[in-house]
C-alpha atoms as a PDB file:
ATOM      1  CA  MET A   1       0.364 -11.371  33.429  1.00  0.00           C
ATOM      2  CA  ALA A   2       0.941 -12.101  29.736  1.00  0.00           C
ATOM      3  CA  MET A   3       2.613  -9.444  27.626  1.00  0.00           C
ATOM      4  CA  ARG A   4       0.961  -8.473  24.350  1.00  0.00           C
ATOM      5  CA  GLN A   5       3.164  -7.982  21.350  1.00  0.00           C
ATOM      6  CA  ILE A   6       2.564  -4.633  19.712  1.00  0.00           C
ATOM      7  CA  ARG A   7       4.011  -3.201  16.533  1.00  0.00           C
ATOM      8  CA  ARG A   8       3.503   0.357  15.422  1.00  0.00           C
ATOM      9  CA  VAL A   9       4.122   2.335  12.256  1.00  0.00           C
ATOM     10  CA  ASP A  10       3.663   6.057  11.765  1.00  0.00           C
ATOM     11  CA  LEU A  11       2.595   7.134   8.304  1.00  0.00           C
ATOM     12  CA  VAL A  12       2.745  10.681   6.987  1.00  0.00           C
ATOM     13  CA  TRP A  13       0.987  11.980   3.910  1.00  0.00           C
ATOM     14  CA  HIS A  14       2.180  15.319   2.613  1.00  0.00           C
ATOM     15  CA  GLY A  15       1.710  17.497  -0.426  1.00  0.00           C
ATOM     16  CA  GLU A  16      -0.139  15.689  -3.191  1.00  0.00           C
ATOM     17  CA  GLU A  17      -0.375  12.549  -1.010  1.00  0.00           C
ATOM     18  CA  VAL A  18      -2.918  14.285   1.241  1.00  0.00           C
ATOM     19  CA  ALA A  19      -5.635  13.520  -1.319  1.00  0.00           C
ATOM     20  CA  GLN A  20      -4.867   9.791  -0.906  1.00  0.00           C
ATOM     21  CA  TYR A  21      -5.235  10.143   2.862  1.00  0.00           C
ATOM     22  CA  GLU A  22      -8.549  11.967   2.492  1.00  0.00           C
ATOM     23  CA  LYS A  23      -9.831   9.174   0.209  1.00  0.00           C
ATOM     24  CA  LEU A  24      -8.799   6.519   2.756  1.00  0.00           C
ATOM     25  CA  LYS A  25     -10.443   8.518   5.532  1.00  0.00           C
ATOM     26  CA  SER A  26     -13.649   8.892   3.527  1.00  0.00           C
ATOM     27  CA  ASP A  27     -13.752   5.185   2.631  1.00  0.00           C
ATOM     28  CA  ALA A  28     -13.169   4.238   6.269  1.00  0.00           C
ATOM     29  CA  ALA A  29     -15.980   6.517   7.406  1.00  0.00           C
ATOM     30  CA  LYS A  30     -18.352   4.988   4.844  1.00  0.00           C
ATOM     31  CA  LEU A  31     -17.606   1.569   6.339  1.00  0.00           C
ATOM     32  CA  GLY A  32     -17.909   2.866   9.899  1.00  0.00           C
ATOM     33  CA  VAL A  33     -14.345   1.981  10.913  1.00  0.00           C
ATOM     34  CA  GLU A  34     -11.439   4.013  12.205  1.00  0.00           C
ATOM     35  CA  ILE A  35      -8.885   4.964   9.580  1.00  0.00           C
ATOM     36  CA  ALA A  36      -6.118   3.006  11.357  1.00  0.00           C
ATOM     37  CA  GLN A  37      -8.161  -0.205  11.173  1.00  0.00           C
ATOM     38  CA  PHE A  38      -9.084   0.491   7.555  1.00  0.00           C
ATOM     39  CA  VAL A  39      -5.435   1.038   6.564  1.00  0.00           C
ATOM     40  CA  LYS A  40      -4.482  -2.245   8.298  1.00  0.00           C
ATOM     41  CA  GLU A  41      -7.196  -4.062   6.327  1.00  0.00           C
ATOM     42  CA  VAL A  42      -6.100  -2.477   3.023  1.00  0.00           C
ATOM     43  CA  LEU A  43      -2.495  -3.489   3.703  1.00  0.00           C
ATOM     44  CA  ALA A  44      -3.517  -7.030   4.639  1.00  0.00           C
ATOM     45  CA  GLU A  45      -5.463  -7.398   1.373  1.00  0.00           C
ATOM     46  CA  ALA A  46      -2.567  -5.956  -0.642  1.00  0.00           C
ATOM     47  CA  LEU A  47      -0.133  -8.426   0.965  1.00  0.00           C
ATOM     48  CA  LYS A  48      -2.534 -11.290   0.307  1.00  0.00           C
ATOM     49  CA  SER A  49      -2.765 -10.264  -3.366  1.00  0.00           C
ATOM     50  CA  LEU A  50       1.016 -10.016  -3.640  1.00  0.00           C
ATOM     51  CA  ARG A  51       1.461 -13.472  -2.139  1.00  0.00           C
ATOM     52  CA  THR A  52      -1.176 -14.918  -4.462  1.00  0.00           C
ATOM     53  CA  ALA A  53       0.534 -13.313  -7.471  1.00  0.00           C
ATOM     54  CA  LYS A  54       3.922 -14.679  -6.386  1.00  0.00           C
ATOM     55  CA  VAL A  55       2.508 -18.183  -5.950  1.00  0.00           C
ATOM     56  CA  ALA A  56       0.801 -18.001  -9.338  1.00  0.00           C
ATOM     57  CA  ALA A  57       4.011 -16.792 -10.992  1.00  0.00           C
ATOM     58  CA  ALA A  58       6.046 -19.557  -9.335  1.00  0.00           C
ATOM     59  CA  PHE A  59       3.488 -22.147 -10.424  1.00  0.00           C
ATOM     60  CA  ALA A  60       3.518 -20.835 -13.999  1.00  0.00           C
ATOM     61  CA  MET A  61       7.333 -20.942 -14.083  1.00  0.00           C
ATOM     62  CA  ALA A  62       7.347 -24.492 -12.740  1.00  0.00           C
ATOM     63  CA  ARG A  63       4.958 -25.596 -15.470  1.00  0.00           C
ATOM     64  CA  SER A  64       6.989 -24.045 -18.309  1.00  0.00           C
END
C-alpha cells in the first residue's frame, strides 16, 4: 500500500483578525467550497503572484 504524504498547518485568528476569518468563510461559502480548500487556493495564488513578481524583478535587474 502506498503512503500518502500529508502536511498540516493550524491557523488561529484572534481579536481583530476574526473579521478576516469571517470574510474568508463568507467568500468560501459563496463559491461553495470548504474554508480549508479556499484558504489553500488563496495561498497558492499568493505564492504564484510572489514568484511572478520575483521573476519580473530579476528580469528587470538583468536588463538594467
